[in-house]
């Protein structure tokens, strides 16, 4: 995954993210939208053949900090789900 800042302002950031699965970005978007300080969080696939996605975040605080927090929350949730599956499902 390669991320690049396309444009940045104190309360807005636009990112270009290449070589990623858009599903991961949708999870981060979901976590961002649960945050009260986020006015907008959007993800689009720029073009399916280029494997490039764009993400835009508008927030009341620093958007890069909000992305970091949302990513950490998504990782923790996925880890909790993994632990749940490992504790209840026995693989033969």
PDB file of N, CA and C in Angstrom:
ATOM      1  N   UNK A   1       0.836  -1.165   0.000  1.00  0.00           N
ATOM      2  CA  UNK A   1       0.000   0.000   0.000  1.00  0.00           C
ATOM      3  C   UNK A   1       0.889   1.238   0.000  1.00  0.00           C
ATOM      4  N   UNK A   2       0.557   2.174  -0.871  1.00  0.00           N
ATOM      5  CA  UNK A   2       1.295   3.423  -0.964  1.00  0.00           C
ATOM      6  C   UNK A   2       0.301   4.566  -0.838  1.00  0.00           C
ATOM      7  N   UNK A   3       0.502   5.440   0.136  1.00  0.00           N
ATOM      8  CA  UNK A   3      -0.391   6.576   0.346  1.00  0.00           C
ATOM      9  C   UNK A   3       0.372   7.871   0.098  1.00  0.00           C
ATOM     10  N   UNK A   4      -0.331   8.812  -0.524  1.00  0.00           N
ATOM     11  CA  UNK A   4       0.261  10.106  -0.818  1.00  0.00           C
ATOM     12  C   UNK A   4      -0.778  11.177  -0.532  1.00  0.00           C
ATOM     13  N   UNK A   5      -0.347  12.257   0.082  1.00  0.00           N
ATOM     14  CA  UNK A   5      -1.242  13.382   0.331  1.00  0.00           C
ATOM     15  C   UNK A   5      -1.387  14.159  -0.970  1.00  0.00           C
ATOM     16  N   UNK A   6      -2.634  14.261  -1.457  1.00  0.00           N
ATOM     17  CA  UNK A   6      -2.919  15.023  -2.676  1.00  0.00           C
ATOM     18  C   UNK A   6      -3.044  16.496  -2.328  1.00  0.00           C
ATOM     19  N   UNK A   7      -3.811  16.778  -1.281  1.00  0.00           N
ATOM     20  CA  UNK A   7      -3.937  18.146  -0.784  1.00  0.00           C
ATOM     21  C   UNK A   7      -4.272  18.094   0.695  1.00  0.00           C
ATOM     22  N   UNK A   8      -3.905  19.171   1.376  1.00  0.00           N
ATOM     23  CA  UNK A   8      -4.095  19.211   2.812  1.00  0.00           C
ATOM     24  C   UNK A   8      -4.418  20.625   3.257  1.00  0.00           C
ATOM     25  N   UNK A   9      -5.316  20.716   4.211  1.00  0.00           N
ATOM     26  CA  UNK A   9      -5.656  21.972   4.867  1.00  0.00           C
ATOM     27  C   UNK A   9      -5.771  21.649   6.354  1.00  0.00           C
ATOM     28  N   UNK A  10      -5.888  22.657   7.213  1.00  0.00           N
ATOM     29  CA  UNK A  10      -5.949  22.354   8.652  1.00  0.00           C
ATOM     30  C   UNK A  10      -7.064  21.376   9.046  1.00  0.00           C
ATOM     31  N   UNK A  11      -8.195  21.415   8.340  1.00  0.00           N
ATOM     32  CA  UNK A  11      -9.312  20.549   8.719  1.00  0.00           C
ATOM     33  C   UNK A  11      -9.770  19.626   7.589  1.00  0.00           C
ATOM     34  N   UNK A  12      -8.931  19.447   6.574  1.00  0.00           N
ATOM     35  CA  UNK A  12      -9.282  18.587   5.443  1.00  0.00           C
ATOM     36  C   UNK A  12      -8.022  17.960   4.875  1.00  0.00           C
ATOM     37  N   UNK A  13      -8.157  16.698   4.442  1.00  0.00           N
ATOM     38  CA  UNK A  13      -7.043  16.026   3.787  1.00  0.00           C
ATOM     39  C   UNK A  13      -7.597  15.154   2.669  1.00  0.00           C
ATOM     40  N   UNK A  14      -6.883  15.117   1.559  1.00  0.00           N
ATOM     41  CA  UNK A  14      -7.205  14.261   0.427  1.00  0.00           C
ATOM     42  C   UNK A  14      -6.011  13.355   0.180  1.00  0.00           C
ATOM     43  N   UNK A  15      -6.270  12.046   0.159  1.00  0.00           N
ATOM     44  CA  UNK A  15      -5.209  11.065   0.004  1.00  0.00           C
ATOM     45  C   UNK A  15      -5.409  10.253  -1.265  1.00  0.00           C
ATOM     46  N   UNK A  16      -4.306   9.879  -1.888  1.00  0.00           N
ATOM     47  CA  UNK A  16      -4.295   8.917  -2.981  1.00  0.00           C
ATOM     48  C   UNK A  16      -3.627   7.671  -2.430  1.00  0.00           C
ATOM     49  N   UNK A  17      -4.334   6.536  -2.507  1.00  0.00           N
ATOM     50  CA  UNK A  17      -3.821   5.299  -1.941  1.00  0.00           C
ATOM     51  C   UNK A  17      -3.795   4.252  -3.045  1.00  0.00           C
ATOM     52  N   UNK A  18      -2.613   3.708  -3.293  1.00  0.00           N
ATOM     53  CA  UNK A  18      -2.437   2.728  -4.372  1.00  0.00           C
ATOM     54  C   UNK A  18      -2.117   1.358  -3.791  1.00  0.00           C
ATOM     55  N   UNK A  19      -2.422   0.331  -4.576  1.00  0.00           N
ATOM     56  CA  UNK A  19      -2.111  -1.052  -4.224  1.00  0.00           C
ATOM     57  C   UNK A  19      -2.727  -1.450  -2.886  1.00  0.00           C
ATOM     58  N   UNK A  20      -4.029  -1.217  -2.751  1.00  0.00           N
ATOM     59  CA  UNK A  20      -4.749  -1.589  -1.536  1.00  0.00           C
ATOM     60  C   UNK A  20      -6.084  -2.205  -1.901  1.00  0.00           C
ATOM     61  N   UNK A  21      -6.706  -2.789  -0.926  1.00  0.00           N
ATOM     62  CA  UNK A  21      -8.056  -3.319  -1.078  1.00  0.00           C
ATOM     63  C   UNK A  21      -9.013  -2.240  -0.579  1.00  0.00           C
ATOM     64  N   UNK A  22      -9.962  -1.854  -1.393  1.00  0.00           N
ATOM     65  CA  UNK A  22     -10.889  -0.789  -1.027  1.00  0.00           C
ATOM     66  C   UNK A  22     -11.685  -1.161   0.222  1.00  0.00           C
ATOM     67  N   UNK A  23     -11.840  -2.454   0.484  1.00  0.00           N
ATOM     68  CA  UNK A  23     -12.561  -2.895   1.680  1.00  0.00           C
ATOM     69  C   UNK A  23     -11.912  -2.395   2.962  1.00  0.00           C
ATOM     70  N   UNK A  24     -10.593  -2.370   2.992  1.00  0.00           N
ATOM     71  CA  UNK A  24      -9.871  -1.856   4.158  1.00  0.00           C
ATOM     72  C   UNK A  24     -10.193  -0.382   4.360  1.00  0.00           C
ATOM     73  N   UNK A  25     -10.225   0.360   3.270  1.00  0.00           N
ATOM     74  CA  UNK A  25     -10.526   1.790   3.363  1.00  0.00           C
ATOM     75  C   UNK A  25     -11.965   2.026   3.800  1.00  0.00           C
ATOM     76  N   UNK A  26     -12.882   1.145   3.390  1.00  0.00           N
ATOM     77  CA  UNK A  26     -14.269   1.260   3.831  1.00  0.00           C
ATOM     78  C   UNK A  26     -14.393   1.038   5.338  1.00  0.00           C
ATOM     79  N   UNK A  27     -13.604   0.124   5.883  1.00  0.00           N
ATOM     80  CA  UNK A  27     -13.619  -0.103   7.333  1.00  0.00           C
ATOM     81  C   UNK A  27     -13.113   1.136   8.067  1.00  0.00           C
ATOM     82  N   UNK A  28     -12.032   1.727   7.572  1.00  0.00           N
ATOM     83  CA  UNK A  28     -11.501   2.952   8.180  1.00  0.00           C
ATOM     84  C   UNK A  28     -12.513   4.082   8.052  1.00  0.00           C
ATOM     85  N   UNK A  29     -13.163   4.184   6.895  1.00  0.00           N
ATOM     86  CA  UNK A  29     -14.198   5.197   6.692  1.00  0.00           C
ATOM     87  C   UNK A  29     -15.322   5.013   7.711  1.00  0.00           C
ATOM     88  N   UNK A  30     -15.746   3.770   7.925  1.00  0.00           N
ATOM     89  CA  UNK A  30     -16.805   3.480   8.886  1.00  0.00           C
ATOM     90  C   UNK A  30     -16.413   3.950  10.289  1.00  0.00           C
ATOM     91  N   UNK A  31     -15.176   3.651  10.683  1.00  0.00           N
ATOM     92  CA  UNK A  31     -14.697   4.083  12.004  1.00  0.00           C
ATOM     93  C   UNK A  31     -14.623   5.608  12.092  1.00  0.00           C
ATOM     94  N   UNK A  32     -14.212   6.254  11.010  1.00  0.00           N
ATOM     95  CA  UNK A  32     -14.155   7.719  11.001  1.00  0.00           C
ATOM     96  C   UNK A  32     -15.545   8.320  11.174  1.00  0.00           C
ATOM     97  N   UNK A  33     -16.522   7.766  10.484  1.00  0.00           N
ATOM     98  CA  UNK A  33     -17.878   8.323  10.530  1.00  0.00           C
ATOM     99  C   UNK A  33     -18.545   8.118  11.886  1.00  0.00           C
ATOM    100  N   UNK A  34     -18.058   7.181  12.685  1.00  0.00           N
ATOM    101  CA  UNK A  34     -18.581   6.998  14.044  1.00  0.00           C
ATOM    102  C   UNK A  34     -18.049   8.075  14.993  1.00  0.00           C
ATOM    103  N   UNK A  35     -17.009   8.776  14.574  1.00  0.00           N
ATOM    104  CA  UNK A  35     -16.376   9.809  15.397  1.00  0.00           C
ATOM    105  C   UNK A  35     -17.168  11.109  15.276  1.00  0.00           C
ATOM    106  N   UNK A  36     -17.407  11.757  16.404  1.00  0.00           N
ATOM    107  CA  UNK A  36     -18.237  12.970  16.394  1.00  0.00           C
ATOM    108  C   UNK A  36     -17.567  14.150  15.694  1.00  0.00           C
ATOM    109  N   UNK A  37     -16.253  14.195  15.644  1.00  0.00           N
ATOM    110  CA  UNK A  37     -15.567  15.335  15.052  1.00  0.00           C
ATOM    111  C   UNK A  37     -15.412  15.278  13.547  1.00  0.00           C
ATOM    112  N   UNK A  38     -15.942  14.241  12.915  1.00  0.00           N
ATOM    113  CA  UNK A  38     -15.795  14.074  11.469  1.00  0.00           C
ATOM    114  C   UNK A  38     -17.035  14.602  10.759  1.00  0.00           C
ATOM    115  N   UNK A  39     -16.827  15.548   9.857  1.00  0.00           N
ATOM    116  CA  UNK A  39     -17.925  16.084   9.052  1.00  0.00           C
ATOM    117  C   UNK A  39     -18.161  15.246   7.797  1.00  0.00           C
ATOM    118  N   UNK A  40     -17.075  14.719   7.229  1.00  0.00           N
ATOM    119  CA  UNK A  40     -17.181  13.927   6.003  1.00  0.00           C
ATOM    120  C   UNK A  40     -15.994  12.986   5.910  1.00  0.00           C
ATOM    121  N   UNK A  41     -16.260  11.753   5.488  1.00  0.00           N
ATOM    122  CA  UNK A  41     -15.200  10.787   5.182  1.00  0.00           C
ATOM    123  C   UNK A  41     -15.679   9.995   3.985  1.00  0.00           C
ATOM    124  N   UNK A  42     -14.960  10.085   2.890  1.00  0.00           N
ATOM    125  CA  UNK A  42     -15.375   9.398   1.680  1.00  0.00           C
ATOM    126  C   UNK A  42     -14.231   8.645   1.037  1.00  0.00           C
ATOM    127  N   UNK A  43     -14.599   7.529   0.385  1.00  0.00           N
ATOM    128  CA  UNK A  43     -13.634   6.688  -0.325  1.00  0.00           C
ATOM    129  C   UNK A  43     -14.200   6.402  -1.703  1.00  0.00           C
ATOM    130  N   UNK A  44     -13.363   6.544  -2.727  1.00  0.00           N
ATOM    131  CA  UNK A  44     -13.770   6.154  -4.079  1.00  0.00           C
ATOM    132  C   UNK A  44     -12.634   5.383  -4.738  1.00  0.00           C
ATOM    133  N   UNK A  45     -13.011   4.502  -5.636  1.00  0.00           N
ATOM    134  CA  UNK A  45     -12.031   3.852  -6.496  1.00  0.00           C
ATOM    135  C   UNK A  45     -11.906   4.747  -7.710  1.00  0.00           C
ATOM    136  N   UNK A  46     -10.727   5.350  -7.869  1.00  0.00           N
ATOM    137  CA  UNK A  46     -10.548   6.307  -8.958  1.00  0.00           C
ATOM    138  C   UNK A  46     -10.772   5.633 -10.305  1.00  0.00           C
ATOM    139  N   UNK A  47     -10.131   4.493 -10.509  1.00  0.00           N
ATOM    140  CA  UNK A  47     -10.343   3.713 -11.729  1.00  0.00           C
ATOM    141  C   UNK A  47      -9.918   2.282 -11.438  1.00  0.00           C
ATOM    142  N   UNK A  48     -10.756   1.303 -11.785  1.00  0.00           N
ATOM    143  CA  UNK A  48     -10.432  -0.082 -11.426  1.00  0.00           C
ATOM    144  C   UNK A  48      -9.119  -0.596 -12.033  1.00  0.00           C
ATOM    145  N   UNK A  49      -8.710  -0.090 -13.170  1.00  0.00           N
ATOM    146  CA  UNK A  49      -7.486  -0.580 -13.803  1.00  0.00           C
ATOM    147  C   UNK A  49      -6.213   0.012 -13.200  1.00  0.00           C
ATOM    148  N   UNK A  50      -6.314   1.143 -12.533  1.00  0.00           N
ATOM    149  CA  UNK A  50      -5.131   1.769 -11.949  1.00  0.00           C
ATOM    150  C   UNK A  50      -4.867   1.312 -10.523  1.00  0.00           C
ATOM    151  N   UNK A  51      -5.845   0.635  -9.900  1.00  0.00           N
ATOM    152  CA  UNK A  51      -5.726   0.188  -8.517  1.00  0.00           C
ATOM    153  C   UNK A  51      -5.402   1.360  -7.596  1.00  0.00           C
ATOM    154  N   UNK A  52      -6.089   2.467  -7.824  1.00  0.00           N
ATOM    155  CA  UNK A  52      -5.894   3.675  -7.020  1.00  0.00           C
ATOM    156  C   UNK A  52      -7.220   4.077  -6.393  1.00  0.00           C
ATOM    157  N   UNK A  53      -7.168   4.377  -5.095  1.00  0.00           N
ATOM    158  CA  UNK A  53      -8.341   4.854  -4.367  1.00  0.00           C
ATOM    159  C   UNK A  53      -8.039   6.249  -3.834  1.00  0.00           C
ATOM    160  N   UNK A  54      -9.084   7.032  -3.694  1.00  0.00           N
ATOM    161  CA  UNK A  54      -8.958   8.346  -3.083  1.00  0.00           C
ATOM    162  C   UNK A  54      -9.780   8.376  -1.823  1.00  0.00           C
ATOM    163  N   UNK A  55      -9.254   9.042  -0.802  1.00  0.00           N
ATOM    164  CA  UNK A  55      -9.959   9.203   0.462  1.00  0.00           C
ATOM    165  C   UNK A  55      -9.915  10.673   0.844  1.00  0.00           C
ATOM    166  N   UNK A  56     -11.066  11.180   1.260  1.00  0.00           N
ATOM    167  CA  UNK A  56     -11.152  12.577   1.682  1.00  0.00           C
ATOM    168  C   UNK A  56     -11.790  12.620   3.051  1.00  0.00           C
ATOM    169  N   UNK A  57     -11.197  13.416   3.954  1.00  0.00           N
ATOM    170  CA  UNK A  57     -11.704  13.552   5.312  1.00  0.00           C
ATOM    171  C   UNK A  57     -11.784  15.034   5.661  1.00  0.00           C
ATOM    172  N   UNK A  58     -12.940  15.440   6.147  1.00  0.00           N
ATOM    173  CA  UNK A  58     -13.146  16.776   6.711  1.00  0.00           C
ATOM    174  C   UNK A  58     -13.456  16.587   8.186  1.00  0.00           C
ATOM    175  N   UNK A  59     -12.737  17.279   9.043  1.00  0.00           N
ATOM    176  CA  UNK A  59     -12.953  17.105  10.478  1.00  0.00           C
ATOM    177  C   UNK A  59     -12.845  18.428  11.202  1.00  0.00           C
ATOM    178  N   UNK A  60     -13.249  18.397  12.468  1.00  0.00           N
ATOM    179  CA  UNK A  60     -13.148  19.587  13.312  1.00  0.00           C
ATOM    180  C   UNK A  60     -11.765  19.712  13.933  1.00  0.00           C
ATOM    181  N   UNK A  61     -10.973  18.655  13.837  1.00  0.00           N
ATOM    182  CA  UNK A  61      -9.615  18.679  14.370  1.00  0.00           C
ATOM    183  C   UNK A  61      -8.649  18.241  13.268  1.00  0.00           C
ATOM    184  N   UNK A  62      -7.513  17.728  13.644  1.00  0.00           N
ATOM    185  CA  UNK A  62      -6.509  17.317  12.660  1.00  0.00           C
ATOM    186  C   UNK A  62      -6.943  16.010  11.991  1.00  0.00           C
ATOM    187  N   UNK A  63      -7.194  16.030  10.677  1.00  0.00           N
ATOM    188  CA  UNK A  63      -7.700  14.827  10.007  1.00  0.00           C
ATOM    189  C   UNK A  63      -6.716  13.658  10.002  1.00  0.00           C
ATOM    190  N   UNK A  64      -5.426  13.908   9.947  1.00  0.00           N
ATOM    191  CA  UNK A  64      -4.463  12.808   9.941  1.00  0.00           C
ATOM    192  C   UNK A  64      -4.482  12.076  11.282  1.00  0.00           C
ATOM    193  N   UNK A  65      -4.706  12.811  12.358  1.00  0.00           N
ATOM    194  CA  UNK A  65      -4.825  12.201  13.686  1.00  0.00           C
ATOM    195  C   UNK A  65      -6.086  11.342  13.752  1.00  0.00           C
ATOM    196  N   UNK A  66      -7.166  11.809  13.136  1.00  0.00           N
ATOM    197  CA  UNK A  66      -8.415  11.054  13.119  1.00  0.00           C
ATOM    198  C   UNK A  66      -8.260   9.761  12.320  1.00  0.00           C
ATOM    199  N   UNK A  67      -7.506   9.818  11.217  1.00  0.00           N
ATOM    200  CA  UNK A  67      -7.253   8.606  10.424  1.00  0.00           C
ATOM    201  C   UNK A  67      -6.466   7.595  11.262  1.00  0.00           C
ATOM    202  N   UNK A  68      -5.463   8.074  11.977  1.00  0.00           N
ATOM    203  CA  UNK A  68      -4.653   7.196  12.819  1.00  0.00           C
ATOM    204  C   UNK A  68      -5.521   6.523  13.878  1.00  0.00           C
ATOM    205  N   UNK A  69      -6.375   7.300  14.547  1.00  0.00           N
ATOM    206  CA  UNK A  69      -7.243   6.739  15.585  1.00  0.00           C
ATOM    207  C   UNK A  69      -8.222   5.727  15.006  1.00  0.00           C
ATOM    208  N   UNK A  70      -8.812   6.038  13.851  1.00  0.00           N
ATOM    209  CA  UNK A  70      -9.769   5.128  13.221  1.00  0.00           C
ATOM    210  C   UNK A  70      -9.081   3.835  12.795  1.00  0.00           C
ATOM    211  N   UNK A  71      -7.860   3.933  12.303  1.00  0.00           N
ATOM    212  CA  UNK A  71      -7.107   2.751  11.893  1.00  0.00           C
ATOM    213  C   UNK A  71      -6.777   1.873  13.093  1.00  0.00           C
ATOM    214  N   UNK A  72      -6.359   2.491  14.184  1.00  0.00           N
ATOM    215  CA  UNK A  72      -6.055   1.724  15.394  1.00  0.00           C
ATOM    216  C   UNK A  72      -7.304   1.030  15.928  1.00  0.00           C
ATOM    217  N   UNK A  73      -8.450   1.688  15.888  1.00  0.00           N
ATOM    218  CA  UNK A  73      -9.700   1.084  16.331  1.00  0.00           C
ATOM    219  C   UNK A  73     -10.077  -0.093  15.442  1.00  0.00           C
ATOM    220  N   UNK A  74      -9.925   0.066  14.137  1.00  0.00           N
ATOM    221  CA  UNK A  74     -10.237  -1.024  13.204  1.00  0.00           C
ATOM    222  C   UNK A  74      -9.326  -2.228  13.441  1.00  0.00           C
ATOM    223  N   UNK A  75      -8.056  -1.994  13.700  1.00  0.00           N
ATOM    224  CA  UNK A  75      -7.109  -3.089  13.971  1.00  0.00           C
ATOM    225  C   UNK A  75      -7.496  -3.801  15.260  1.00  0.00           C
ATOM    226  N   UNK A  76      -7.857  -3.041  16.293  1.00  0.00           N
ATOM    227  CA  UNK A  76      -8.257  -3.647  17.571  1.00  0.00           C
ATOM    228  C   UNK A  76      -9.521  -4.478  17.395  1.00  0.00           C
ATOM    229  N   UNK A  77     -10.486  -3.984  16.649  1.00  0.00           N
ATOM    230  CA  UNK A  77     -11.725  -4.719  16.421  1.00  0.00           C
ATOM    231  C   UNK A  77     -11.449  -6.016  15.672  1.00  0.00           C
ATOM    232  N   UNK A  78     -10.619  -5.962  14.657  1.00  0.00           N
ATOM    233  CA  UNK A  78     -10.270  -7.168  13.905  1.00  0.00           C
ATOM    234  C   UNK A  78      -9.531  -8.168  14.797  1.00  0.00           C
ATOM    235  N   UNK A  79      -8.664  -7.682  15.667  1.00  0.00           N
ATOM    236  CA  UNK A  79      -7.939  -8.565  16.582  1.00  0.00           C
ATOM    237  C   UNK A  79      -8.900  -9.225  17.572  1.00  0.00           C
ATOM    238  N   UNK A  80      -9.860  -8.457  18.094  1.00  0.00           N
ATOM    239  CA  UNK A  80     -10.861  -9.019  19.006  1.00  0.00           C
ATOM    240  C   UNK A  80     -11.693 -10.092  18.315  1.00  0.00           C
ATOM    241  N   UNK A  81     -12.056  -9.855  17.075  1.00  0.00           N
ATOM    242  CA  UNK A  81     -12.831 -10.831  16.312  1.00  0.00           C
ATOM    243  C   UNK A  81     -12.016 -12.102  16.073  1.00  0.00           C
ATOM    244  N   UNK A  82     -10.744 -11.941  15.778  1.00  0.00           N
ATOM    245  CA  UNK A  82      -9.856 -13.089  15.578  1.00  0.00           C
ATOM    246  C   UNK A  82      -9.761 -13.915  16.853  1.00  0.00           C
ATOM    247  N   UNK A  83      -9.608 -13.252  17.996  1.00  0.00           N
ATOM    248  CA  UNK A  83      -9.541 -13.960  19.276  1.00  0.00           C
ATOM    249  C   UNK A  83     -10.841 -14.706  19.553  1.00  0.00           C
ATOM    250  N   UNK A  84     -11.966 -14.100  19.231  1.00  0.00           N
ATOM    251  CA  UNK A  84     -13.258 -14.741  19.432  1.00  0.00           C
ATOM    252  C   UNK A  84     -13.366 -16.013  18.594  1.00  0.00           C
ATOM    253  N   UNK A  85     -12.999 -15.916  17.339  1.00  0.00           N
ATOM    254  CA  UNK A  85     -13.058 -17.090  16.460  1.00  0.00           C
ATOM    255  C   UNK A  85     -12.100 -18.177  16.936  1.00  0.00           C
ATOM    256  N   UNK A  86     -10.902 -17.786  17.332  1.00  0.00           N
ATOM    257  CA  UNK A  86      -9.920 -18.783  17.794  1.00  0.00           C
ATOM    258  C   UNK A  86     -10.356 -19.465  19.079  1.00  0.00           C
ATOM    259  N   UNK A  87     -11.117 -18.778  19.922  1.00  0.00           N
ATOM    260  CA  UNK A  87     -11.529 -19.365  21.188  1.00  0.00           C
ATOM    261  C   UNK A  87     -12.764 -20.251  21.045  1.00  0.00           C
ATOM    262  N   UNK A  88     -13.583 -20.027  20.041  1.00  0.00           N
ATOM    263  CA  UNK A  88     -14.823 -20.782  19.919  1.00  0.00           C
ATOM    264  C   UNK A  88     -14.814 -21.827  18.801  1.00  0.00           C
ATOM    265  N   UNK A  89     -13.956 -21.676  17.827  1.00  0.00           N
ATOM    266  CA  UNK A  89     -13.900 -22.600  16.702  1.00  0.00           C
ATOM    267  C   UNK A  89     -12.597 -23.382  16.764  1.00  0.00           C
ATOM    268  N   UNK A  90     -12.731 -24.698  16.784  1.00  0.00           N
ATOM    269  CA  UNK A  90     -11.541 -25.541  16.811  1.00  0.00           C
ATOM    270  C   UNK A  90     -11.300 -26.049  15.404  1.00  0.00           C
ATOM    271  N   UNK A  91     -10.127 -25.758  14.880  1.00  0.00           N
ATOM    272  CA  UNK A  91      -9.757 -26.174  13.523  1.00  0.00           C
ATOM    273  C   UNK A  91      -9.172 -27.574  13.602  1.00  0.00           C
ATOM    274  N   UNK A  92      -9.648 -28.452  12.714  1.00  0.00           N
ATOM    275  CA  UNK A  92      -9.147 -29.836  12.686  1.00  0.00           C
ATOM    276  C   UNK A  92      -7.911 -29.928  11.840  1.00  0.00           C
TER     277      UNK A  92
END
